[in-house]
Amino acid sequence: MIRPQTLRTSLNCLHYYFRKSEKESPGQS
């Protein structure tokens, strides 16, 4: 079973990755 803490960490990682991707290649939604 997936623990809530793990899910939260995964979401954090995804958010960070998305923000980084936007900074690296702006304009490409």
Protein backbone atom coordinates (compact mmCIF):
# COMPACT_ATOMS: atom_id res chain seq x y z
CA MET A 1 0.00 0.00 0.00
CA ILE A 2 1.23 3.50 -0.81
CA ARG A 3 1.70 5.70 2.23
CA PRO A 4 0.36 9.30 2.18
CA GLN A 5 3.84 10.61 2.94
CA THR A 6 5.28 8.88 -0.13
CA LEU A 7 2.50 10.24 -2.33
CA ARG A 8 3.08 13.74 -1.00
CA THR A 9 6.81 13.45 -1.71
CA SER A 10 6.09 12.25 -5.24
CA LEU A 11 3.79 15.21 -5.85
CA ASN A 12 6.49 17.56 -4.55
CA CYS A 13 9.01 16.01 -6.93
CA LEU A 14 6.59 16.37 -9.85
CA HIS A 15 5.93 20.01 -9.02
CA TYR A 16 9.66 20.73 -8.83
CA TYR A 17 10.28 18.93 -12.13
CA PHE A 18 7.48 20.83 -13.89
CA ARG A 19 8.72 24.18 -12.58
CA LYS A 20 12.27 23.37 -13.66
CA SER A 21 11.06 22.30 -17.10
CA GLU A 22 9.17 25.57 -17.49
CA LYS A 23 12.27 27.58 -16.59
CA GLU A 24 14.50 25.60 -18.96
CA SER A 25 12.14 25.88 -21.93
CA PRO A 26 9.72 28.80 -21.52
CA GLY A 27 6.99 29.28 -24.08
CA GLN A 28 6.58 25.52 -24.58
CA SER A 29 3.42 24.75 -22.65
